[in-house]
Amino acid sequence: IPLVNSSAEFFALFKSADFSQIGNK
């Protein structure tokens, strides 16, 4: 499993949905 050494590293692992692609068929 990935090693997390700090809170900054932990939150850097998150990604978010690209809502600009909502019109993509």
PDB file of all heavy atoms in Angstrom:
ATOM      1  N   ILE A   1       0.857  -1.182   0.000  1.00  0.00           N
ATOM      2  CA  ILE A   1       0.000   0.000   0.000  1.00  0.00           C
ATOM      3  C   ILE A   1       0.896   1.235   0.000  1.00  0.00           C
ATOM      4  O   ILE A   1       2.048   1.183   0.445  1.00  0.00           O
ATOM      5  CB  ILE A   1      -0.952   0.026   1.218  1.00  0.00           C
ATOM      6  CG1 ILE A   1      -0.170   0.121   2.535  1.00  0.00           C
ATOM      7  CG2 ILE A   1      -1.870  -1.166   1.229  1.00  0.00           C
ATOM      8  CD1 ILE A   1      -1.059   0.317   3.741  1.00  0.00           C
ATOM      9  N   PRO A   2       0.382   2.354  -0.527  1.00  0.00           N
ATOM     10  CA  PRO A   2       1.211   3.563  -0.594  1.00  0.00           C
ATOM     11  C   PRO A   2       1.578   4.090   0.790  1.00  0.00           C
ATOM     12  O   PRO A   2       0.753   4.088   1.702  1.00  0.00           O
ATOM     13  CB  PRO A   2       0.326   4.566  -1.354  1.00  0.00           C
ATOM     14  CG  PRO A   2      -1.021   3.972  -1.454  1.00  0.00           C
ATOM     15  CD  PRO A   2      -0.945   2.535  -1.122  1.00  0.00           C
ATOM     16  N   LEU A   3       2.818   4.511   0.955  1.00  0.00           N
ATOM     17  CA  LEU A   3       3.290   5.086   2.220  1.00  0.00           C
ATOM     18  C   LEU A   3       2.989   6.585   2.248  1.00  0.00           C
ATOM     19  O   LEU A   3       3.302   7.299   1.299  1.00  0.00           O
ATOM     20  CB  LEU A   3       4.797   4.850   2.384  1.00  0.00           C
ATOM     21  CG  LEU A   3       5.243   3.387   2.448  1.00  0.00           C
ATOM     22  CD1 LEU A   3       6.763   3.307   2.496  1.00  0.00           C
ATOM     23  CD2 LEU A   3       4.647   2.700   3.663  1.00  0.00           C
ATOM     24  N   VAL A   4       2.375   7.037   3.327  1.00  0.00           N
ATOM     25  CA  VAL A   4       2.023   8.448   3.485  1.00  0.00           C
ATOM     26  C   VAL A   4       2.798   9.002   4.679  1.00  0.00           C
ATOM     27  O   VAL A   4       2.622   8.554   5.812  1.00  0.00           O
ATOM     28  CB  VAL A   4       0.503   8.628   3.709  1.00  0.00           C
ATOM     29  CG1 VAL A   4       0.183  10.088   3.911  1.00  0.00           C
ATOM     30  CG2 VAL A   4      -0.278   8.057   2.537  1.00  0.00           C
ATOM     31  N   ASN A   5       3.684   9.969   4.437  1.00  0.00           N
ATOM     32  CA  ASN A   5       4.556  10.492   5.491  1.00  0.00           C
ATOM     33  C   ASN A   5       4.073  11.799   6.096  1.00  0.00           C
ATOM     34  O   ASN A   5       4.578  12.241   7.126  1.00  0.00           O
ATOM     35  CB  ASN A   5       5.973  10.691   4.944  1.00  0.00           C
ATOM     36  CG  ASN A   5       6.587   9.369   4.490  1.00  0.00           C
ATOM     37  OD1 ASN A   5       6.494   8.368   5.203  1.00  0.00           O
ATOM     38  ND2 ASN A   5       7.192   9.350   3.309  1.00  0.00           N
ATOM     39  N   SER A   6       3.104  12.462   5.442  1.00  0.00           N
ATOM     40  CA  SER A   6       2.607  13.729   5.968  1.00  0.00           C
ATOM     41  C   SER A   6       1.192  13.961   5.478  1.00  0.00           C
ATOM     42  O   SER A   6       0.726  13.309   4.532  1.00  0.00           O
ATOM     43  CB  SER A   6       3.510  14.886   5.517  1.00  0.00           C
ATOM     44  OG  SER A   6       3.425  15.058   4.115  1.00  0.00           O
ATOM     45  N   SER A   7       0.514  14.915   6.136  1.00  0.00           N
ATOM     46  CA  SER A   7      -0.855  15.234   5.715  1.00  0.00           C
ATOM     47  C   SER A   7      -0.872  15.809   4.306  1.00  0.00           C
ATOM     48  O   SER A   7      -1.809  15.575   3.541  1.00  0.00           O
ATOM     49  CB  SER A   7      -1.483  16.224   6.694  1.00  0.00           C
ATOM     50  OG  SER A   7      -0.708  17.415   6.773  1.00  0.00           O
ATOM     51  N   ALA A   8       0.177  16.530   3.945  1.00  0.00           N
ATOM     52  CA  ALA A   8       0.253  17.103   2.593  1.00  0.00           C
ATOM     53  C   ALA A   8       0.316  15.987   1.550  1.00  0.00           C
ATOM     54  O   ALA A   8      -0.352  16.051   0.508  1.00  0.00           O
ATOM     55  CB  ALA A   8       1.472  18.012   2.479  1.00  0.00           C
ATOM     56  N   GLU A   9       1.121  14.961   1.824  1.00  0.00           N
ATOM     57  CA  GLU A   9       1.207  13.827   0.902  1.00  0.00           C
ATOM     58  C   GLU A   9      -0.126  13.096   0.814  1.00  0.00           C
ATOM     59  O   GLU A   9      -0.526  12.635  -0.258  1.00  0.00           O
ATOM     60  CB  GLU A   9       2.302  12.860   1.362  1.00  0.00           C
ATOM     61  CG  GLU A   9       3.720  13.368   1.141  1.00  0.00           C
ATOM     62  CD  GLU A   9       4.747  12.301   1.492  1.00  0.00           C
ATOM     63  OE1 GLU A   9       4.360  11.112   1.604  1.00  0.00           O
ATOM     64  OE2 GLU A   9       5.927  12.646   1.653  1.00  0.00           O
ATOM     65  N   PHE A  10      -0.803  12.995   1.955  1.00  0.00           N
ATOM     66  CA  PHE A  10      -2.084  12.290   1.975  1.00  0.00           C
ATOM     67  C   PHE A  10      -3.115  13.000   1.104  1.00  0.00           C
ATOM     68  O   PHE A  10      -3.762  12.394   0.245  1.00  0.00           O
ATOM     69  CB  PHE A  10      -2.586  12.172   3.410  1.00  0.00           C
ATOM     70  CG  PHE A  10      -3.935  11.530   3.540  1.00  0.00           C
ATOM     71  CD1 PHE A  10      -4.109  10.182   3.284  1.00  0.00           C
ATOM     72  CD2 PHE A  10      -5.040  12.290   3.916  1.00  0.00           C
ATOM     73  CE1 PHE A  10      -5.356   9.596   3.397  1.00  0.00           C
ATOM     74  CE2 PHE A  10      -6.289  11.708   4.038  1.00  0.00           C
ATOM     75  CZ  PHE A  10      -6.448  10.359   3.779  1.00  0.00           C
ATOM     76  N   PHE A  11      -3.288  14.303   1.298  1.00  0.00           N
ATOM     77  CA  PHE A  11      -4.293  15.044   0.534  1.00  0.00           C
ATOM     78  C   PHE A  11      -3.903  15.191  -0.935  1.00  0.00           C
ATOM     79  O   PHE A  11      -4.769  15.369  -1.797  1.00  0.00           O
ATOM     80  CB  PHE A  11      -4.537  16.414   1.164  1.00  0.00           C
ATOM     81  CG  PHE A  11      -5.287  16.349   2.455  1.00  0.00           C
ATOM     82  CD1 PHE A  11      -4.659  16.620   3.668  1.00  0.00           C
ATOM     83  CD2 PHE A  11      -6.630  15.991   2.482  1.00  0.00           C
ATOM     84  CE1 PHE A  11      -5.347  16.547   4.871  1.00  0.00           C
ATOM     85  CE2 PHE A  11      -7.329  15.913   3.673  1.00  0.00           C
ATOM     86  CZ  PHE A  11      -6.690  16.187   4.874  1.00  0.00           C
ATOM     87  N   ALA A  12      -2.607  15.074  -1.235  1.00  0.00           N
ATOM     88  CA  ALA A  12      -2.158  15.145  -2.627  1.00  0.00           C
ATOM     89  C   ALA A  12      -2.599  13.915  -3.411  1.00  0.00           C
ATOM     90  O   ALA A  12      -2.640  13.939  -4.652  1.00  0.00           O
ATOM     91  CB  ALA A  12      -0.639  15.296  -2.683  1.00  0.00           C
ATOM     92  N   LEU A  13      -2.935  12.828  -2.710  1.00  0.00           N
ATOM     93  CA  LEU A  13      -3.361  11.600  -3.380  1.00  0.00           C
ATOM     94  C   LEU A  13      -4.780  11.701  -3.929  1.00  0.00           C
ATOM     95  O   LEU A  13      -5.165  10.950  -4.826  1.00  0.00           O
ATOM     96  CB  LEU A  13      -3.277  10.418  -2.402  1.00  0.00           C
ATOM     97  CG  LEU A  13      -1.869  10.025  -1.931  1.00  0.00           C
ATOM     98  CD1 LEU A  13      -1.959   8.996  -0.809  1.00  0.00           C
ATOM     99  CD2 LEU A  13      -1.047   9.475  -3.091  1.00  0.00           C
ATOM    100  N   PHE A  14      -5.596  12.630  -3.390  1.00  0.00           N
ATOM    101  CA  PHE A  14      -6.980  12.760  -3.843  1.00  0.00           C
ATOM    102  C   PHE A  14      -7.048  13.435  -5.211  1.00  0.00           C
ATOM    103  O   PHE A  14      -6.242  14.301  -5.534  1.00  0.00           O
ATOM    104  CB  PHE A  14      -7.796  13.578  -2.836  1.00  0.00           C
ATOM    105  CG  PHE A  14      -8.036  12.874  -1.534  1.00  0.00           C
ATOM    106  CD1 PHE A  14      -7.186  13.074  -0.457  1.00  0.00           C
ATOM    107  CD2 PHE A  14      -9.102  12.006  -1.394  1.00  0.00           C
ATOM    108  CE1 PHE A  14      -7.405  12.428   0.749  1.00  0.00           C
ATOM    109  CE2 PHE A  14      -9.337  11.357  -0.192  1.00  0.00           C
ATOM    110  CZ  PHE A  14      -8.482  11.563   0.885  1.00  0.00           C
ATOM    111  N   LYS A  15      -8.044  13.016  -5.998  1.00  0.00           N
ATOM    112  CA  LYS A  15      -8.317  13.649  -7.288  1.00  0.00           C
ATOM    113  C   LYS A  15      -9.794  14.008  -7.323  1.00  0.00           C
ATOM    114  O   LYS A  15     -10.605  13.437  -6.578  1.00  0.00           O
ATOM    115  CB  LYS A  15      -7.968  12.710  -8.443  1.00  0.00           C
ATOM    116  CG  LYS A  15      -6.489  12.332  -8.505  1.00  0.00           C
ATOM    117  CD  LYS A  15      -6.200  11.418  -9.679  1.00  0.00           C
ATOM    118  CE  LYS A  15      -4.732  11.000  -9.712  1.00  0.00           C
ATOM    119  NZ  LYS A  15      -3.840  12.130  -9.951  1.00  0.00           N
ATOM    120  N   SER A  16     -10.171  14.945  -8.162  1.00  0.00           N
ATOM    121  CA  SER A  16     -11.574  15.366  -8.224  1.00  0.00           C
ATOM    122  C   SER A  16     -12.109  15.245  -9.643  1.00  0.00           C
ATOM    123  O   SER A  16     -11.350  15.298 -10.622  1.00  0.00           O
ATOM    124  CB  SER A  16     -11.715  16.813  -7.736  1.00  0.00           C
ATOM    125  OG  SER A  16     -10.924  17.675  -8.540  1.00  0.00           O
ATOM    126  N   ALA A  17     -13.429  15.059  -9.743  1.00  0.00           N
ATOM    127  CA  ALA A  17     -14.082  14.919 -11.045  1.00  0.00           C
ATOM    128  C   ALA A  17     -13.975  16.209 -11.853  1.00  0.00           C
ATOM    129  O   ALA A  17     -14.055  17.307 -11.305  1.00  0.00           O
ATOM    130  CB  ALA A  17     -15.542  14.538 -10.847  1.00  0.00           C
ATOM    131  N   ASP A  18     -13.813  16.048 -13.156  1.00  0.00           N
ATOM    132  CA  ASP A  18     -13.723  17.190 -14.071  1.00  0.00           C
ATOM    133  C   ASP A  18     -15.128  17.524 -14.577  1.00  0.00           C
ATOM    134  O   ASP A  18     -15.614  16.927 -15.539  1.00  0.00           O
ATOM    135  CB  ASP A  18     -12.791  16.845 -15.234  1.00  0.00           C
ATOM    136  CG  ASP A  18     -12.582  18.016 -16.183  1.00  0.00           C
ATOM    137  OD1 ASP A  18     -13.162  19.093 -15.924  1.00  0.00           O
ATOM    138  OD2 ASP A  18     -11.857  17.849 -17.183  1.00  0.00           O
ATOM    139  N   PHE A  19     -15.793  18.477 -13.914  1.00  0.00           N
ATOM    140  CA  PHE A  19     -17.182  18.806 -14.255  1.00  0.00           C
ATOM    141  C   PHE A  19     -17.296  19.517 -15.599  1.00  0.00           C
ATOM    142  O   PHE A  19     -18.399  19.630 -16.143  1.00  0.00           O
ATOM    143  CB  PHE A  19     -17.807  19.656 -13.150  1.00  0.00           C
ATOM    144  CG  PHE A  19     -18.197  18.859 -11.942  1.00  0.00           C
ATOM    145  CD1 PHE A  19     -17.283  18.641 -10.912  1.00  0.00           C
ATOM    146  CD2 PHE A  19     -19.462  18.312 -11.839  1.00  0.00           C
ATOM    147  CE1 PHE A  19     -17.631  17.899  -9.798  1.00  0.00           C
ATOM    148  CE2 PHE A  19     -19.825  17.568 -10.728  1.00  0.00           C
ATOM    149  CZ  PHE A  19     -18.905  17.348  -9.701  1.00  0.00           C
ATOM    150  N   SER A  20     -16.182  19.965 -16.148  1.00  0.00           N
ATOM    151  CA  SER A  20     -16.236  20.597 -17.472  1.00  0.00           C
ATOM    152  C   SER A  20     -16.578  19.583 -18.563  1.00  0.00           C
ATOM    153  O   SER A  20     -16.953  19.951 -19.681  1.00  0.00           O
ATOM    154  CB  SER A  20     -14.894  21.274 -17.796  1.00  0.00           C
ATOM    155  OG  SER A  20     -13.858  20.307 -17.943  1.00  0.00           O
ATOM    156  N   GLN A  21     -16.460  18.276 -18.240  1.00  0.00           N
ATOM    157  CA  GLN A  21     -16.737  17.220 -19.219  1.00  0.00           C
ATOM    158  C   GLN A  21     -18.172  16.696 -19.142  1.00  0.00           C
ATOM    159  O   GLN A  21     -18.490  15.681 -19.757  1.00  0.00           O
ATOM    160  CB  GLN A  21     -15.768  16.052 -18.994  1.00  0.00           C
ATOM    161  CG  GLN A  21     -14.309  16.379 -19.235  1.00  0.00           C
ATOM    162  CD  GLN A  21     -14.048  16.699 -20.694  1.00  0.00           C
ATOM    163  OE1 GLN A  21     -14.585  16.049 -21.592  1.00  0.00           O
ATOM    164  NE2 GLN A  21     -13.236  17.721 -20.941  1.00  0.00           N
ATOM    165  N   ILE A  22     -19.033  17.418 -18.418  1.00  0.00           N
ATOM    166  CA  ILE A  22     -20.396  16.933 -18.245  1.00  0.00           C
ATOM    167  C   ILE A  22     -21.165  16.889 -19.570  1.00  0.00           C
ATOM    168  O   ILE A  22     -22.129  16.138 -19.730  1.00  0.00           O
ATOM    169  CB  ILE A  22     -21.152  17.790 -17.200  1.00  0.00           C
ATOM    170  CG1 ILE A  22     -22.419  17.067 -16.746  1.00  0.00           C
ATOM    171  CG2 ILE A  22     -21.473  19.187 -17.766  1.00  0.00           C
ATOM    172  CD1 ILE A  22     -23.087  17.683 -15.554  1.00  0.00           C
ATOM    173  N   GLY A  23     -20.748  17.651 -20.541  1.00  0.00           N
ATOM    174  CA  GLY A  23     -21.409  17.629 -21.842  1.00  0.00           C
ATOM    175  C   GLY A  23     -20.845  16.590 -22.784  1.00  0.00           C
ATOM    176  O   GLY A  23     -21.326  16.436 -23.922  1.00  0.00           O
ATOM    177  N   ASN A  24     -19.836  15.845 -22.354  1.00  0.00           N
ATOM    178  CA  ASN A  24     -19.197  14.820 -23.187  1.00  0.00           C
ATOM    179  C   ASN A  24     -20.109  13.604 -23.301  1.00  0.00           C
ATOM    180  O   ASN A  24     -20.445  12.967 -22.303  1.00  0.00           O
ATOM    181  CB  ASN A  24     -17.844  14.436 -22.570  1.00  0.00           C
ATOM    182  CG  ASN A  24     -17.044  13.493 -23.445  1.00  0.00           C
ATOM    183  OD1 ASN A  24     -17.582  12.753 -24.259  1.00  0.00           O
ATOM    184  ND2 ASN A  24     -15.728  13.525 -23.274  1.00  0.00           N
ATOM    185  N   LYS A  25     -20.513  13.273 -24.529  1.00  0.00           N
ATOM    186  CA  LYS A  25     -21.431  12.158 -24.756  1.00  0.00           C
ATOM    187  C   LYS A  25     -20.866  10.846 -24.227  1.00  0.00           C
ATOM    188  O   LYS A  25     -21.582  10.026 -23.634  1.00  0.00           O
ATOM    189  CB  LYS A  25     -21.725  12.047 -26.259  1.00  0.00           C
ATOM    190  CG  LYS A  25     -22.617  10.868 -26.626  1.00  0.00           C
ATOM    191  CD  LYS A  25     -22.798  10.771 -28.138  1.00  0.00           C
ATOM    192  CE  LYS A  25     -23.604   9.541 -28.517  1.00  0.00           C
ATOM    193  NZ  LYS A  25     -23.734   9.423 -29.998  1.00  0.00           N
TER     194      LYS A  25
END
